[in-house]
Amino acid sequence: MLKSIGVVLGSYVLSVVLVMATDPLLSRLFPGDFVKGRVPSEIPLITSTALFVVVSILCAWLCARFAPSRAGRHVLWFFILGEAMGIGATIPNWSKGWPHWYWLSWLLTWPISCWIGLLLSKRRNESPV
């Protein structure tokens, strides 16, 4: 039970850390766009969303890969935790000038990314050694 909780929480914390780690990369790719107090333009936001999807798939795959049993159940809890935290982050930021599609895209791509990560983990487990 503790290992299961650790895998889900660890995967989620890793996803948050990796998403936050993309900020310096985005600042270098789009100088002047990712400045505190300024809403970035559309292309940097699309790039940010794409990086979020990649990180989400990777972390869902890790969650499934290290799950002690029933990888699908672990990824489901990973999804629930992420979606709840995403909704919790979206509500206070909804009226701060950011485009609504940005917040909604993260909420809508999260379940798809979790599902892809789970599928990728199954392929690796089923392949012959």
C-alpha atoms as a PDB file:
ATOM      1  CA  MET A   1       0.000   0.000   0.000  1.00  0.00           C
ATOM      2  CA  LEU A   2       2.752   2.473   0.918  1.00  0.00           C
ATOM      3  CA  LYS A   3       4.682   1.618  -2.233  1.00  0.00           C
ATOM      4  CA  SER A   4       1.564   2.258  -4.313  1.00  0.00           C
ATOM      5  CA  ILE A   5       1.029   5.658  -2.699  1.00  0.00           C
ATOM      6  CA  GLY A   6       4.717   6.447  -3.128  1.00  0.00           C
ATOM      7  CA  VAL A   7       4.658   5.550  -6.828  1.00  0.00           C
ATOM      8  CA  VAL A   8       1.596   7.708  -7.532  1.00  0.00           C
ATOM      9  CA  LEU A   9       2.736  10.679  -5.443  1.00  0.00           C
ATOM     10  CA  GLY A  10       6.321  10.387  -6.646  1.00  0.00           C
ATOM     11  CA  SER A  11       5.222  10.345 -10.279  1.00  0.00           C
ATOM     12  CA  TYR A  12       3.013  13.357  -9.740  1.00  0.00           C
ATOM     13  CA  VAL A  13       5.697  15.333  -7.897  1.00  0.00           C
ATOM     14  CA  LEU A  14       8.140  14.469 -10.687  1.00  0.00           C
ATOM     15  CA  SER A  15       5.652  15.757 -13.267  1.00  0.00           C
ATOM     16  CA  VAL A  16       5.341  19.060 -11.391  1.00  0.00           C
ATOM     17  CA  VAL A  17       9.123  19.392 -11.083  1.00  0.00           C
ATOM     18  CA  LEU A  18       9.684  18.619 -14.768  1.00  0.00           C
ATOM     19  CA  VAL A  19       6.966  21.037 -15.894  1.00  0.00           C
ATOM     20  CA  MET A  20       8.510  23.749 -13.716  1.00  0.00           C
ATOM     21  CA  ALA A  21      11.923  22.853 -15.159  1.00  0.00           C
ATOM     22  CA  THR A  22      10.646  23.662 -18.657  1.00  0.00           C
ATOM     23  CA  ASP A  23      10.253  27.333 -17.677  1.00  0.00           C
ATOM     24  CA  PRO A  24      13.958  28.193 -18.161  1.00  0.00           C
ATOM     25  CA  LEU A  25      13.937  26.389 -21.521  1.00  0.00           C
ATOM     26  CA  LEU A  26      10.860  28.312 -22.636  1.00  0.00           C
ATOM     27  CA  SER A  27      12.417  31.570 -21.427  1.00  0.00           C
ATOM     28  CA  ARG A  28      15.455  30.897 -23.624  1.00  0.00           C
ATOM     29  CA  LEU A  29      13.379  29.838 -26.622  1.00  0.00           C
ATOM     30  CA  PHE A  30      11.045  32.821 -26.309  1.00  0.00           C
ATOM     31  CA  PRO A  31      12.957  35.694 -24.691  1.00  0.00           C
ATOM     32  CA  GLY A  32      10.676  38.288 -23.175  1.00  0.00           C
ATOM     33  CA  ASP A  33       7.571  36.097 -23.312  1.00  0.00           C
ATOM     34  CA  PHE A  34       7.894  34.242 -20.012  1.00  0.00           C
ATOM     35  CA  VAL A  35       8.276  37.249 -17.749  1.00  0.00           C
ATOM     36  CA  LYS A  36       6.522  37.517 -14.404  1.00  0.00           C
ATOM     37  CA  GLY A  37       3.344  39.563 -14.671  1.00  0.00           C
ATOM     38  CA  ARG A  38       3.056  39.183 -18.458  1.00  0.00           C
ATOM     39  CA  VAL A  39       0.901  36.713 -20.366  1.00  0.00           C
ATOM     40  CA  PRO A  40       3.003  34.988 -23.055  1.00  0.00           C
ATOM     41  CA  SER A  41       1.968  35.086 -26.694  1.00  0.00           C
ATOM     42  CA  GLU A  42       0.221  32.162 -28.375  1.00  0.00           C
ATOM     43  CA  ILE A  43       3.183  30.231 -29.854  1.00  0.00           C
ATOM     44  CA  PRO A  44       5.043  30.015 -26.516  1.00  0.00           C
ATOM     45  CA  LEU A  45       1.821  28.858 -24.832  1.00  0.00           C
ATOM     46  CA  ILE A  46       1.357  26.141 -27.459  1.00  0.00           C
ATOM     47  CA  THR A  47       4.987  25.079 -26.947  1.00  0.00           C
ATOM     48  CA  SER A  48       4.443  25.024 -23.194  1.00  0.00           C
ATOM     49  CA  THR A  49       1.386  22.813 -23.664  1.00  0.00           C
ATOM     50  CA  ALA A  50       3.334  20.447 -25.924  1.00  0.00           C
ATOM     51  CA  LEU A  51       6.085  20.108 -23.318  1.00  0.00           C
ATOM     52  CA  PHE A  52       3.420  19.495 -20.681  1.00  0.00           C
ATOM     53  CA  VAL A  53       2.016  16.632 -22.770  1.00  0.00           C
ATOM     54  CA  VAL A  54       5.465  15.049 -23.173  1.00  0.00           C
ATOM     55  CA  VAL A  55       6.160  15.319 -19.436  1.00  0.00           C
ATOM     56  CA  SER A  56       2.702  13.923 -18.624  1.00  0.00           C
ATOM     57  CA  ILE A  57       3.194  10.890 -20.863  1.00  0.00           C
ATOM     58  CA  LEU A  58       6.629  10.228 -19.374  1.00  0.00           C
ATOM     59  CA  CYS A  59       5.395  10.462 -15.778  1.00  0.00           C
ATOM     60  CA  ALA A  60       2.311   8.316 -16.448  1.00  0.00           C
ATOM     61  CA  TRP A  61       4.618   5.735 -18.035  1.00  0.00           C
ATOM     62  CA  LEU A  62       6.883   5.840 -14.964  1.00  0.00           C
ATOM     63  CA  CYS A  63       3.860   5.497 -12.682  1.00  0.00           C
ATOM     64  CA  ALA A  64       2.706   2.411 -14.571  1.00  0.00           C
ATOM     65  CA  ARG A  65       6.221   0.985 -14.861  1.00  0.00           C
ATOM     66  CA  PHE A  66       6.955   1.170 -11.138  1.00  0.00           C
ATOM     67  CA  ALA A  67       3.478   0.237  -9.920  1.00  0.00           C
ATOM     68  CA  PRO A  68       3.778  -2.847  -7.717  1.00  0.00           C
ATOM     69  CA  SER A  69       0.580  -4.292  -9.240  1.00  0.00           C
ATOM     70  CA  ARG A  70      -2.330  -3.196 -11.429  1.00  0.00           C
ATOM     71  CA  ALA A  71      -0.599  -0.433 -13.344  1.00  0.00           C
ATOM     72  CA  GLY A  72      -3.945   0.807 -14.659  1.00  0.00           C
ATOM     73  CA  ARG A  73      -5.213   1.507 -11.168  1.00  0.00           C
ATOM     74  CA  HIS A  74      -2.061   3.436 -10.280  1.00  0.00           C
ATOM     75  CA  VAL A  75      -2.286   5.543 -13.430  1.00  0.00           C
ATOM     76  CA  LEU A  76      -5.971   6.161 -12.680  1.00  0.00           C
ATOM     77  CA  TRP A  77      -5.044   7.613  -9.282  1.00  0.00           C
ATOM     78  CA  PHE A  78      -2.215   9.577 -10.934  1.00  0.00           C
ATOM     79  CA  PHE A  79      -4.817  10.963 -13.357  1.00  0.00           C
ATOM     80  CA  ILE A  80      -7.315  11.808 -10.579  1.00  0.00           C
ATOM     81  CA  LEU A  81      -4.655  13.582  -8.525  1.00  0.00           C
ATOM     82  CA  GLY A  82      -3.417  15.570 -11.521  1.00  0.00           C
ATOM     83  CA  GLU A  83      -6.878  16.518 -12.700  1.00  0.00           C
ATOM     84  CA  ALA A  84      -7.907  17.658  -9.212  1.00  0.00           C
ATOM     85  CA  MET A  85      -4.754  19.746  -8.856  1.00  0.00           C
ATOM     86  CA  GLY A  86      -5.252  21.092 -12.374  1.00  0.00           C
ATOM     87  CA  ILE A  87      -8.789  22.210 -11.590  1.00  0.00           C
ATOM     88  CA  GLY A  88      -7.497  23.723  -8.365  1.00  0.00           C
ATOM     89  CA  ALA A  89      -4.912  25.721 -10.341  1.00  0.00           C
ATOM     90  CA  THR A  90      -7.308  26.717 -13.106  1.00  0.00           C
ATOM     91  CA  ILE A  91     -10.021  28.239 -10.913  1.00  0.00           C
ATOM     92  CA  PRO A  92      -7.915  31.025  -9.332  1.00  0.00           C
ATOM     93  CA  ASN A  93      -6.130  31.774 -12.641  1.00  0.00           C
ATOM     94  CA  TRP A  94      -9.250  31.864 -14.813  1.00  0.00           C
ATOM     95  CA  SER A  95      -9.684  35.633 -14.686  1.00  0.00           C
ATOM     96  CA  LYS A  96      -6.033  36.708 -14.698  1.00  0.00           C
ATOM     97  CA  GLY A  97      -5.808  37.494 -18.392  1.00  0.00           C
ATOM     98  CA  TRP A  98      -4.498  34.157 -19.634  1.00  0.00           C
ATOM     99  CA  PRO A  99      -6.344  32.629 -22.596  1.00  0.00           C
ATOM    100  CA  HIS A 100      -8.952  30.153 -21.414  1.00  0.00           C
ATOM    101  CA  TRP A 101      -7.885  27.615 -24.050  1.00  0.00           C
ATOM    102  CA  TYR A 102      -4.521  27.311 -22.288  1.00  0.00           C
ATOM    103  CA  TRP A 103      -5.970  26.119 -18.994  1.00  0.00           C
ATOM    104  CA  LEU A 104      -8.554  23.927 -20.702  1.00  0.00           C
ATOM    105  CA  SER A 105      -5.947  22.329 -22.974  1.00  0.00           C
ATOM    106  CA  TRP A 106      -3.948  21.195 -19.958  1.00  0.00           C
ATOM    107  CA  LEU A 107      -7.070  19.755 -18.322  1.00  0.00           C
ATOM    108  CA  LEU A 108      -8.114  17.974 -21.523  1.00  0.00           C
ATOM    109  CA  THR A 109      -4.678  16.628 -22.507  1.00  0.00           C
ATOM    110  CA  TRP A 110      -3.932  15.237 -19.037  1.00  0.00           C
ATOM    111  CA  PRO A 111      -6.242  12.174 -19.316  1.00  0.00           C
ATOM    112  CA  ILE A 112      -5.061  11.469 -22.861  1.00  0.00           C
ATOM    113  CA  SER A 113      -1.427  11.700 -21.770  1.00  0.00           C
ATOM    114  CA  CYS A 114      -2.074   9.379 -18.837  1.00  0.00           C
ATOM    115  CA  TRP A 115      -3.714   6.858 -21.151  1.00  0.00           C
ATOM    116  CA  ILE A 116      -0.828   7.009 -23.647  1.00  0.00           C
ATOM    117  CA  GLY A 117       1.692   6.548 -20.835  1.00  0.00           C
ATOM    118  CA  LEU A 118      -0.218   3.501 -19.632  1.00  0.00           C
ATOM    119  CA  LEU A 119      -0.347   2.058 -23.161  1.00  0.00           C
ATOM    120  CA  LEU A 120       3.384   2.570 -23.626  1.00  0.00           C
ATOM    121  CA  SER A 121       4.112   0.753 -20.364  1.00  0.00           C
ATOM    122  CA  LYS A 122       2.023  -2.230 -21.474  1.00  0.00           C
ATOM    123  CA  ARG A 123       3.847  -2.497 -24.786  1.00  0.00           C
ATOM    124  CA  ARG A 124       7.181  -2.624 -23.016  1.00  0.00           C
ATOM    125  CA  ASN A 125       5.937  -5.260 -20.557  1.00  0.00           C
ATOM    126  CA  GLU A 126       4.513  -7.453 -23.334  1.00  0.00           C
ATOM    127  CA  SER A 127       7.553  -7.382 -25.623  1.00  0.00           C
ATOM    128  CA  PRO A 128       9.749 -10.521 -25.664  1.00  0.00           C
ATOM    129  CA  VAL A 129      13.052 -10.334 -23.844  1.00  0.00           C
END
